[in-house]
N, C-alpha and C. Protein backbone atom coordinates (compact mmCIF):
# COMPACT_ATOMS: atom_id res chain seq x y z
N MET A 1 110.58 96.82 70.41
CA MET A 1 110.30 97.55 71.62
C MET A 1 111.56 98.28 72.08
N LEU A 2 111.36 99.50 72.56
CA LEU A 2 112.46 100.31 73.06
C LEU A 2 112.31 100.48 74.57
N VAL A 3 113.40 100.85 75.23
CA VAL A 3 113.38 101.06 76.67
C VAL A 3 113.67 102.54 76.93
N CYS A 4 112.83 103.16 77.76
CA CYS A 4 112.97 104.58 78.10
C CYS A 4 114.23 104.80 78.93
N ALA A 5 115.03 105.80 78.61
CA ALA A 5 116.27 106.10 79.33
C ALA A 5 116.00 106.64 80.73
N GLN A 6 114.79 107.14 81.01
CA GLN A 6 114.47 107.70 82.33
C GLN A 6 113.77 106.69 83.23
N CYS A 7 112.63 106.16 82.77
CA CYS A 7 111.81 105.30 83.64
C CYS A 7 112.02 103.81 83.40
N GLN A 8 112.80 103.45 82.42
CA GLN A 8 113.13 102.05 82.10
C GLN A 8 111.91 101.22 81.65
N MET A 9 110.83 101.90 81.25
CA MET A 9 109.64 101.19 80.75
C MET A 9 109.81 100.94 79.25
N GLU A 10 109.22 99.83 78.80
CA GLU A 10 109.24 99.54 77.36
C GLU A 10 108.15 100.34 76.67
N PHE A 11 108.46 100.78 75.45
CA PHE A 11 107.47 101.51 74.65
C PHE A 11 107.73 101.22 73.18
N GLU A 12 106.70 101.44 72.37
CA GLU A 12 106.82 101.16 70.93
C GLU A 12 107.35 102.39 70.21
N ARG A 13 108.10 102.13 69.18
CA ARG A 13 108.65 103.21 68.37
C ARG A 13 107.56 103.77 67.47
N ARG A 14 107.57 105.08 67.27
CA ARG A 14 106.62 105.71 66.34
C ARG A 14 106.95 105.28 64.91
N ALA A 15 105.97 105.39 64.05
CA ALA A 15 106.15 104.94 62.67
C ALA A 15 107.17 105.80 61.92
N ARG A 16 107.25 107.08 62.28
CA ARG A 16 108.16 107.98 61.56
C ARG A 16 109.09 108.70 62.54
N GLY A 17 110.10 109.31 61.99
CA GLY A 17 110.98 110.14 62.79
C GLY A 17 112.15 109.37 63.37
N PRO A 18 113.02 110.09 64.09
CA PRO A 18 114.20 109.45 64.66
C PRO A 18 113.83 108.50 65.79
N ILE A 19 114.74 107.65 66.14
CA ILE A 19 114.50 106.69 67.22
C ILE A 19 114.50 107.46 68.54
N PRO A 20 113.39 107.42 69.29
CA PRO A 20 113.33 108.19 70.53
C PRO A 20 114.05 107.48 71.68
N ARG A 21 114.58 108.28 72.64
CA ARG A 21 115.24 107.72 73.82
C ARG A 21 114.28 107.66 75.01
N PHE A 22 113.17 108.42 74.92
CA PHE A 22 112.26 108.53 76.05
C PHE A 22 110.85 108.17 75.61
N CYS A 23 110.07 107.67 76.57
CA CYS A 23 108.70 107.26 76.27
C CYS A 23 107.75 108.46 76.19
N SER A 24 108.12 109.60 76.81
CA SER A 24 107.24 110.77 76.79
C SER A 24 108.06 112.04 77.02
N GLY A 25 107.41 113.17 76.85
CA GLY A 25 108.06 114.45 77.11
C GLY A 25 108.35 114.64 78.58
N VAL A 26 107.51 114.08 79.44
CA VAL A 26 107.72 114.18 80.89
C VAL A 26 109.03 113.50 81.27
N CYS A 27 109.26 112.30 80.75
CA CYS A 27 110.50 111.58 81.04
C CYS A 27 111.70 112.32 80.46
N ARG A 28 111.57 112.88 79.28
CA ARG A 28 112.67 113.62 78.67
C ARG A 28 113.07 114.82 79.54
N ARG A 29 112.06 115.59 80.02
CA ARG A 29 112.35 116.75 80.87
C ARG A 29 112.95 116.30 82.21
N ALA A 30 112.42 115.23 82.80
CA ALA A 30 112.94 114.73 84.08
C ALA A 30 114.38 114.26 83.95
N TYR A 31 114.74 113.69 82.81
CA TYR A 31 116.10 113.21 82.57
C TYR A 31 117.09 114.37 82.46
N HIS A 32 116.69 115.44 81.73
CA HIS A 32 117.60 116.55 81.47
C HIS A 32 117.58 117.62 82.55
N GLN A 33 116.55 117.69 83.41
CA GLN A 33 116.40 118.76 84.39
C GLN A 33 117.61 118.90 85.33
N PRO A 34 118.13 117.82 85.93
CA PRO A 34 119.29 117.99 86.83
C PRO A 34 120.50 118.61 86.13
N LYS A 35 120.73 118.20 84.88
CA LYS A 35 121.85 118.73 84.11
C LYS A 35 121.67 120.22 83.86
N TYR A 36 120.44 120.64 83.51
CA TYR A 36 120.17 122.06 83.24
C TYR A 36 120.26 122.90 84.51
N GLU A 37 119.86 122.34 85.64
CA GLU A 37 119.96 123.08 86.90
C GLU A 37 121.40 123.19 87.37
N ALA A 38 122.20 122.16 87.12
CA ALA A 38 123.60 122.16 87.56
C ALA A 38 124.43 123.21 86.84
N ASP A 39 124.24 123.34 85.54
CA ASP A 39 125.06 124.31 84.80
C ASP A 39 124.41 125.69 84.71
N GLY A 40 123.24 125.89 85.34
CA GLY A 40 122.61 127.21 85.40
C GLY A 40 121.74 127.56 84.20
N ARG A 41 121.59 126.65 83.24
CA ARG A 41 120.77 126.96 82.06
C ARG A 41 119.31 127.16 82.40
N ALA A 42 118.79 126.38 83.34
CA ALA A 42 117.36 126.47 83.68
C ALA A 42 117.04 127.84 84.26
N ALA A 43 117.87 128.33 85.17
CA ALA A 43 117.64 129.65 85.77
C ALA A 43 117.75 130.75 84.72
N LYS A 44 118.73 130.61 83.83
CA LYS A 44 118.92 131.61 82.77
C LYS A 44 117.71 131.64 81.84
N TRP A 45 117.18 130.47 81.45
CA TRP A 45 116.01 130.41 80.56
C TRP A 45 114.80 131.06 81.22
N CYS A 46 114.60 130.75 82.51
CA CYS A 46 113.44 131.33 83.23
C CYS A 46 113.56 132.84 83.31
N ALA A 47 114.77 133.34 83.65
CA ALA A 47 114.96 134.80 83.78
C ALA A 47 114.78 135.48 82.44
N THR A 48 115.31 134.88 81.38
CA THR A 48 115.21 135.47 80.05
C THR A 48 113.78 135.48 79.56
N SER A 49 113.08 134.39 79.78
CA SER A 49 111.69 134.33 79.28
C SER A 49 110.80 135.30 80.05
N ARG A 50 111.04 135.46 81.35
CA ARG A 50 110.25 136.44 82.12
C ARG A 50 110.58 137.86 81.70
N ALA A 51 111.85 138.14 81.45
CA ALA A 51 112.25 139.49 81.06
C ALA A 51 111.72 139.87 79.68
N ASN A 52 111.63 138.88 78.80
CA ASN A 52 111.18 139.15 77.43
C ASN A 52 109.67 139.04 77.26
N TYR A 53 108.97 138.64 78.32
CA TYR A 53 107.52 138.48 78.20
C TYR A 53 106.83 139.82 78.02
N ARG A 54 106.03 139.91 76.98
CA ARG A 54 105.22 141.10 76.72
C ARG A 54 103.78 140.65 76.54
N PRO A 55 102.87 141.10 77.42
CA PRO A 55 101.48 140.69 77.22
C PRO A 55 100.94 141.21 75.90
N ARG A 56 100.13 140.39 75.28
CA ARG A 56 99.54 140.75 73.99
C ARG A 56 98.60 141.94 74.16
N GLN A 57 98.69 142.88 73.26
CA GLN A 57 97.82 144.05 73.30
C GLN A 57 96.39 143.62 72.98
N GLN A 58 95.46 144.03 73.80
CA GLN A 58 94.05 143.68 73.61
C GLN A 58 93.41 144.72 72.70
N GLU A 59 93.22 144.39 71.44
CA GLU A 59 92.61 145.34 70.52
C GLU A 59 91.14 144.97 70.28
N LEU A 60 90.35 145.97 70.10
CA LEU A 60 88.94 145.76 69.77
C LEU A 60 88.81 145.59 68.28
N ARG A 61 87.97 144.68 67.88
CA ARG A 61 87.67 144.53 66.44
C ARG A 61 86.19 144.26 66.30
N PRO A 62 85.61 144.58 65.13
CA PRO A 62 84.17 144.34 64.95
C PRO A 62 83.88 142.86 64.72
N CYS A 63 82.78 142.40 65.29
CA CYS A 63 82.33 141.02 65.10
C CYS A 63 81.81 140.87 63.67
N ARG A 64 82.19 139.77 63.00
CA ARG A 64 81.73 139.54 61.63
C ARG A 64 80.23 139.24 61.60
N GLY A 65 79.69 138.76 62.71
CA GLY A 65 78.27 138.40 62.75
C GLY A 65 77.35 139.57 63.03
N CYS A 66 77.65 140.32 64.11
CA CYS A 66 76.72 141.39 64.53
C CYS A 66 77.29 142.79 64.39
N GLY A 67 78.61 142.91 64.17
CA GLY A 67 79.22 144.22 63.98
C GLY A 67 79.61 144.92 65.27
N GLN A 68 79.30 144.35 66.43
CA GLN A 68 79.65 144.96 67.72
C GLN A 68 81.15 144.79 67.98
N PRO A 69 81.80 145.81 68.55
CA PRO A 69 83.23 145.65 68.87
C PRO A 69 83.43 144.67 70.02
N PHE A 70 84.48 143.85 69.94
CA PHE A 70 84.78 142.88 71.00
C PHE A 70 86.28 142.62 71.03
N THR A 71 86.76 142.07 72.13
CA THR A 71 88.16 141.70 72.28
C THR A 71 88.25 140.20 72.07
N PRO A 72 88.92 139.75 70.99
CA PRO A 72 88.97 138.31 70.72
C PRO A 72 89.85 137.58 71.72
N SER A 73 89.50 136.36 72.05
CA SER A 73 90.31 135.55 72.95
C SER A 73 91.45 134.87 72.19
N ARG A 74 91.31 134.76 70.87
CA ARG A 74 92.37 134.21 70.03
C ARG A 74 92.76 135.25 69.00
N SER A 75 93.95 135.12 68.44
CA SER A 75 94.42 136.12 67.47
C SER A 75 93.59 136.10 66.19
N ASP A 76 93.00 134.95 65.84
CA ASP A 76 92.21 134.87 64.61
C ASP A 76 90.71 134.93 64.87
N GLY A 77 90.30 135.34 66.08
CA GLY A 77 88.87 135.40 66.41
C GLY A 77 88.15 136.50 65.66
N VAL A 78 87.04 136.17 65.01
CA VAL A 78 86.27 137.15 64.25
C VAL A 78 84.81 137.23 64.70
N LEU A 79 84.38 136.32 65.58
CA LEU A 79 83.01 136.30 66.05
C LEU A 79 82.99 136.44 67.57
N CYS A 80 82.06 137.25 68.09
CA CYS A 80 82.08 137.62 69.50
C CYS A 80 81.43 136.62 70.44
N SER A 81 80.51 135.80 69.98
CA SER A 81 79.78 134.93 70.91
C SER A 81 79.36 133.64 70.22
N GLU A 82 78.85 132.72 71.02
CA GLU A 82 78.36 131.45 70.50
C GLU A 82 77.17 131.67 69.57
N ALA A 83 76.32 132.63 69.91
CA ALA A 83 75.15 132.93 69.08
C ALA A 83 75.59 133.42 67.70
N CYS A 84 76.60 134.29 67.66
CA CYS A 84 77.10 134.77 66.37
C CYS A 84 77.77 133.64 65.58
N ARG A 85 78.47 132.74 66.28
CA ARG A 85 79.08 131.60 65.60
C ARG A 85 78.02 130.71 64.98
N ASN A 86 76.94 130.44 65.70
CA ASN A 86 75.87 129.60 65.17
C ASN A 86 75.20 130.24 63.97
N ARG A 87 74.91 131.55 64.07
CA ARG A 87 74.29 132.25 62.93
C ARG A 87 75.21 132.26 61.72
N ASP A 88 76.52 132.47 61.96
CA ASP A 88 77.48 132.51 60.86
C ASP A 88 77.59 131.14 60.20
N ARG A 89 77.62 130.08 61.00
CA ARG A 89 77.69 128.72 60.46
C ARG A 89 76.46 128.41 59.61
N ALA A 90 75.29 128.79 60.13
CA ALA A 90 74.05 128.53 59.38
C ALA A 90 74.03 129.33 58.08
N ARG A 91 74.51 130.57 58.14
CA ARG A 91 74.52 131.43 56.95
C ARG A 91 75.46 130.87 55.88
N ARG A 92 76.57 130.24 56.32
CA ARG A 92 77.52 129.70 55.35
C ARG A 92 77.15 128.31 54.86
N ILE A 93 76.56 127.47 55.72
CA ILE A 93 76.32 126.07 55.37
C ILE A 93 74.99 125.85 54.67
N ALA A 94 73.95 126.59 55.04
CA ALA A 94 72.62 126.37 54.45
C ALA A 94 72.64 126.47 52.92
N PRO A 95 73.26 127.49 52.32
CA PRO A 95 73.27 127.53 50.85
C PRO A 95 73.97 126.32 50.24
N LEU A 96 75.01 125.81 50.89
CA LEU A 96 75.71 124.64 50.37
C LEU A 96 74.82 123.40 50.41
N MET A 97 74.01 123.29 51.47
CA MET A 97 73.11 122.15 51.58
C MET A 97 72.02 122.21 50.51
N HIS A 98 71.47 123.41 50.26
CA HIS A 98 70.47 123.56 49.20
C HIS A 98 71.08 123.16 47.85
N GLU A 99 72.30 123.62 47.63
CA GLU A 99 72.99 123.33 46.38
C GLU A 99 73.20 121.82 46.21
N ARG A 100 73.63 121.17 47.27
CA ARG A 100 73.88 119.72 47.24
C ARG A 100 72.58 118.96 46.97
N ARG A 101 71.50 119.33 47.66
CA ARG A 101 70.22 118.64 47.47
C ARG A 101 69.72 118.81 46.04
N ALA A 102 69.89 120.00 45.46
CA ALA A 102 69.45 120.24 44.08
C ALA A 102 70.24 119.37 43.11
N ARG A 103 71.54 119.27 43.31
CA ARG A 103 72.37 118.48 42.39
C ARG A 103 72.07 117.00 42.52
N MET A 104 71.76 116.53 43.74
CA MET A 104 71.43 115.11 43.94
C MET A 104 70.17 114.73 43.17
N ARG A 105 69.24 115.66 43.03
CA ARG A 105 67.98 115.38 42.34
C ARG A 105 68.04 115.73 40.86
N GLY A 106 69.21 116.12 40.38
CA GLY A 106 69.36 116.40 38.96
C GLY A 106 69.01 117.82 38.56
N GLY A 107 68.78 118.71 39.51
CA GLY A 107 68.45 120.10 39.20
C GLY A 107 69.70 120.96 39.12
N ASN A 108 69.54 122.16 38.62
CA ASN A 108 70.65 123.10 38.55
C ASN A 108 70.85 123.75 39.91
N ALA A 109 72.03 124.27 40.12
CA ALA A 109 72.31 124.96 41.38
C ALA A 109 73.30 126.07 41.11
N GLU A 110 73.07 127.19 41.76
CA GLU A 110 74.04 128.28 41.71
C GLU A 110 74.26 128.77 43.13
N ARG A 111 75.44 129.30 43.39
CA ARG A 111 75.76 129.78 44.72
C ARG A 111 75.41 131.25 44.82
N PHE A 112 74.59 131.60 45.81
CA PHE A 112 74.21 132.99 46.02
C PHE A 112 73.86 133.20 47.48
N ASP A 113 73.84 134.44 47.88
CA ASP A 113 73.49 134.79 49.26
C ASP A 113 71.97 134.94 49.33
N PRO A 114 71.31 134.25 50.27
CA PRO A 114 69.85 134.36 50.36
C PRO A 114 69.36 135.79 50.57
N SER A 115 70.19 136.63 51.19
CA SER A 115 69.74 138.01 51.42
C SER A 115 69.53 138.75 50.10
N GLU A 116 70.18 138.32 49.01
CA GLU A 116 69.93 138.92 47.69
C GLU A 116 68.46 138.69 47.29
N VAL A 117 67.98 137.48 47.52
CA VAL A 117 66.59 137.15 47.18
C VAL A 117 65.63 137.91 48.10
N PHE A 118 65.97 137.99 49.39
CA PHE A 118 65.11 138.71 50.33
C PHE A 118 65.02 140.19 49.96
N GLU A 119 66.15 140.79 49.58
CA GLU A 119 66.16 142.19 49.15
C GLU A 119 65.31 142.36 47.88
N ARG A 120 65.48 141.45 46.95
CA ARG A 120 64.73 141.51 45.69
C ARG A 120 63.23 141.48 45.93
N ASP A 121 62.80 140.62 46.89
CA ASP A 121 61.37 140.48 47.18
C ASP A 121 60.87 141.48 48.22
N GLY A 122 61.74 142.38 48.69
CA GLY A 122 61.33 143.40 49.65
C GLY A 122 61.01 142.83 51.02
N TRP A 123 61.62 141.69 51.38
CA TRP A 123 61.42 141.05 52.67
C TRP A 123 59.94 140.71 52.92
N ARG A 124 59.16 140.50 51.85
CA ARG A 124 57.74 140.14 51.96
C ARG A 124 57.56 138.68 51.55
N CYS A 125 56.69 138.00 52.29
CA CYS A 125 56.35 136.62 51.96
C CYS A 125 55.55 136.62 50.66
N TYR A 126 55.97 135.85 49.69
CA TYR A 126 55.26 135.83 48.41
C TYR A 126 53.96 135.04 48.49
N LEU A 127 53.76 134.26 49.56
CA LEU A 127 52.55 133.46 49.70
C LEU A 127 51.43 134.20 50.41
N CYS A 128 51.77 134.94 51.49
CA CYS A 128 50.71 135.63 52.25
C CYS A 128 50.85 137.15 52.22
N GLY A 129 52.00 137.67 51.76
CA GLY A 129 52.18 139.11 51.62
C GLY A 129 52.63 139.85 52.86
N VAL A 130 52.85 139.16 53.98
CA VAL A 130 53.25 139.82 55.21
C VAL A 130 54.75 140.16 55.15
N VAL A 131 55.17 141.23 55.84
CA VAL A 131 56.58 141.58 55.93
C VAL A 131 57.24 140.61 56.90
N THR A 132 58.29 139.94 56.47
CA THR A 132 58.96 138.94 57.30
C THR A 132 59.96 139.60 58.24
N LEU A 133 60.35 138.87 59.27
CA LEU A 133 61.26 139.38 60.30
C LEU A 133 62.59 138.64 60.21
N PRO A 134 63.64 139.30 59.67
CA PRO A 134 64.93 138.60 59.50
C PRO A 134 65.63 138.25 60.80
N ASN A 135 65.47 139.05 61.85
CA ASN A 135 66.19 138.81 63.10
C ASN A 135 65.33 138.12 64.15
N ALA A 136 64.20 137.57 63.76
CA ALA A 136 63.31 136.89 64.70
C ALA A 136 63.92 135.56 65.14
N ASP A 137 63.32 134.99 66.18
CA ASP A 137 63.73 133.67 66.65
C ASP A 137 63.60 132.66 65.52
N ARG A 138 64.43 131.64 65.54
CA ARG A 138 64.47 130.64 64.47
C ARG A 138 63.11 130.02 64.16
N TYR A 139 62.28 129.81 65.18
CA TYR A 139 60.99 129.15 64.99
C TYR A 139 59.81 130.12 64.99
N ALA A 140 60.07 131.39 64.94
CA ALA A 140 58.97 132.38 64.91
C ALA A 140 58.19 132.24 63.60
N PRO A 141 56.87 132.37 63.63
CA PRO A 141 56.07 132.18 62.42
C PRO A 141 56.40 133.17 61.29
N ARG A 142 56.86 134.36 61.63
CA ARG A 142 57.16 135.37 60.61
C ARG A 142 58.64 135.49 60.29
N LYS A 143 59.45 134.49 60.69
CA LYS A 143 60.88 134.47 60.40
C LYS A 143 61.09 134.39 58.89
N THR A 144 62.05 135.14 58.37
CA THR A 144 62.37 135.13 56.95
C THR A 144 63.01 133.80 56.57
N THR A 145 62.46 133.13 55.56
CA THR A 145 63.05 131.89 55.06
C THR A 145 63.10 131.93 53.55
N LEU A 146 63.93 131.06 52.99
CA LEU A 146 64.07 130.95 51.54
C LEU A 146 63.23 129.77 51.07
N ASP A 147 62.30 130.01 50.15
CA ASP A 147 61.43 128.95 49.66
C ASP A 147 61.74 128.66 48.21
N HIS A 148 61.75 127.39 47.84
CA HIS A 148 61.92 126.99 46.45
C HIS A 148 60.53 126.84 45.84
N VAL A 149 60.23 127.61 44.81
CA VAL A 149 58.90 127.60 44.18
C VAL A 149 58.61 126.19 43.67
N VAL A 150 59.52 125.63 42.87
CA VAL A 150 59.45 124.22 42.50
C VAL A 150 60.37 123.51 43.48
N PRO A 151 59.84 122.69 44.40
CA PRO A 151 60.65 122.09 45.45
C PRO A 151 61.82 121.28 44.91
N LEU A 152 62.91 121.25 45.67
CA LEU A 152 64.10 120.50 45.27
C LEU A 152 63.76 119.01 45.13
N VAL A 153 62.85 118.52 45.97
CA VAL A 153 62.45 117.11 45.93
C VAL A 153 61.81 116.76 44.59
N ASN A 154 61.13 117.72 43.99
CA ASN A 154 60.46 117.50 42.70
C ASN A 154 61.34 117.88 41.52
N GLY A 155 62.64 118.00 41.72
CA GLY A 155 63.55 118.31 40.63
C GLY A 155 63.75 119.80 40.39
N GLY A 156 63.33 120.62 41.33
CA GLY A 156 63.52 122.06 41.19
C GLY A 156 64.99 122.44 41.33
N SER A 157 65.32 123.62 40.89
CA SER A 157 66.71 124.07 40.93
C SER A 157 66.92 125.04 42.08
N HIS A 158 68.14 125.10 42.55
CA HIS A 158 68.49 126.08 43.59
C HIS A 158 69.13 127.27 42.88
N THR A 159 68.27 128.11 42.33
CA THR A 159 68.71 129.30 41.60
C THR A 159 67.92 130.50 42.11
N ARG A 160 68.40 131.68 41.76
CA ARG A 160 67.69 132.90 42.16
C ARG A 160 66.28 132.93 41.56
N LYS A 161 66.16 132.38 40.36
CA LYS A 161 64.88 132.40 39.66
C LYS A 161 63.83 131.50 40.35
N ASN A 162 64.27 130.40 40.97
CA ASN A 162 63.36 129.44 41.58
C ASN A 162 63.16 129.68 43.08
N THR A 163 63.82 130.66 43.65
CA THR A 163 63.70 130.90 45.09
C THR A 163 62.98 132.22 45.35
N ARG A 164 62.21 132.24 46.44
CA ARG A 164 61.46 133.43 46.84
C ARG A 164 61.55 133.59 48.34
N CYS A 165 61.25 134.78 48.81
CA CYS A 165 61.20 135.07 50.24
C CYS A 165 59.84 134.60 50.76
N ALA A 166 59.86 133.85 51.88
CA ALA A 166 58.61 133.37 52.48
C ALA A 166 58.75 133.41 54.00
N CYS A 167 57.63 133.61 54.67
CA CYS A 167 57.67 133.53 56.14
C CYS A 167 57.72 132.05 56.52
N ARG A 168 58.23 131.77 57.68
CA ARG A 168 58.41 130.39 58.11
C ARG A 168 57.09 129.63 58.14
N GLN A 169 56.03 130.28 58.60
CA GLN A 169 54.72 129.63 58.70
C GLN A 169 54.25 129.14 57.32
N CYS A 170 54.32 129.99 56.33
CA CYS A 170 53.88 129.60 54.98
C CYS A 170 54.81 128.56 54.36
N ASN A 171 56.12 128.71 54.61
CA ASN A 171 57.09 127.78 54.04
C ASN A 171 56.87 126.37 54.61
N VAL A 172 56.62 126.27 55.90
CA VAL A 172 56.36 124.97 56.53
C VAL A 172 55.03 124.41 56.02
N ARG A 173 54.05 125.27 55.89
CA ARG A 173 52.73 124.84 55.42
C ARG A 173 52.78 124.34 53.97
N LYS A 174 53.57 125.01 53.15
CA LYS A 174 53.71 124.61 51.75
C LYS A 174 54.48 123.29 51.66
N GLY A 175 55.55 123.16 52.45
CA GLY A 175 56.34 121.93 52.42
C GLY A 175 56.95 121.67 51.06
N ALA A 176 56.89 120.43 50.60
CA ALA A 176 57.49 120.04 49.32
C ALA A 176 56.45 119.95 48.22
N ARG A 177 55.33 120.68 48.38
CA ARG A 177 54.29 120.64 47.36
C ARG A 177 54.47 121.77 46.36
N PRO A 178 54.08 121.57 45.12
CA PRO A 178 54.17 122.65 44.14
C PRO A 178 53.20 123.78 44.48
N LEU A 179 53.47 124.94 43.97
CA LEU A 179 52.68 126.13 44.28
C LEU A 179 51.23 125.99 43.81
N GLU A 180 51.00 125.33 42.68
CA GLU A 180 49.64 125.18 42.16
C GLU A 180 48.76 124.39 43.13
N VAL A 181 49.30 123.34 43.71
CA VAL A 181 48.55 122.52 44.66
C VAL A 181 48.26 123.33 45.91
N MET A 182 49.23 124.15 46.34
CA MET A 182 49.06 124.94 47.56
C MET A 182 48.00 126.02 47.40
N SER A 183 47.95 126.67 46.25
CA SER A 183 46.94 127.72 46.09
C SER A 183 45.54 127.11 46.17
N HIS A 184 45.36 125.89 45.67
CA HIS A 184 44.08 125.21 45.75
C HIS A 184 43.78 124.82 47.20
N ALA A 185 44.80 124.34 47.93
CA ALA A 185 44.62 123.91 49.32
C ALA A 185 44.27 125.11 50.21
N TRP A 186 44.89 126.27 49.95
CA TRP A 186 44.62 127.43 50.78
C TRP A 186 43.21 127.97 50.55
N THR A 187 42.76 127.98 49.29
CA THR A 187 41.43 128.50 49.02
C THR A 187 40.37 127.57 49.60
N SER A 188 40.60 126.25 49.57
CA SER A 188 39.59 125.33 50.11
C SER A 188 39.57 125.37 51.63
N SER A 189 40.76 125.56 52.30
CA SER A 189 40.76 125.63 53.76
C SER A 189 40.17 126.95 54.26
N GLU A 190 40.30 128.02 53.50
CA GLU A 190 39.75 129.31 53.91
C GLU A 190 38.22 129.31 53.73
N ALA A 191 37.71 128.51 52.77
CA ALA A 191 36.27 128.46 52.53
C ALA A 191 35.53 127.71 53.64
N GLU A 192 36.24 126.80 54.30
CA GLU A 192 35.60 125.99 55.36
C GLU A 192 35.37 126.75 56.62
């Protein structure tokens, strides 16, 4: 146990680094403050730091998510809002999750952007033929989703060849069933 040079409290030494004289930064500043004020260093530091202060230039940059110009609050900011951050996170993480699930079940997986598949299929649902809506609400029935023709649960692969564009309604309805079973289920439900 060590004793703080300012407050005289006992404290434990950190695992690494030099042996400290103070228990915290507050005690260290309180210990040295009178000395800095007496010799004029504190006033000089304050005057110098105020004189050299230059506010950061506020530059506009395009948002990586929506493309709208915005002023970032941090120097490395690339997304303008919480909504853009959520969309960007989903866009980056969803393909990794599909890939992981395919590999866990013994299927092949390749990394690709889902929009490649949507472009290839002309943004049309392969199950019902309706044009899907890419910018719709997450739970909208016509929201564009990526469907695995042979489901990952059944050993399907996460590849461009096994994925198709589907509307959310059809994708949820199909679930983890193979396409052959679904075509039979749809024809029997429409006949009733």
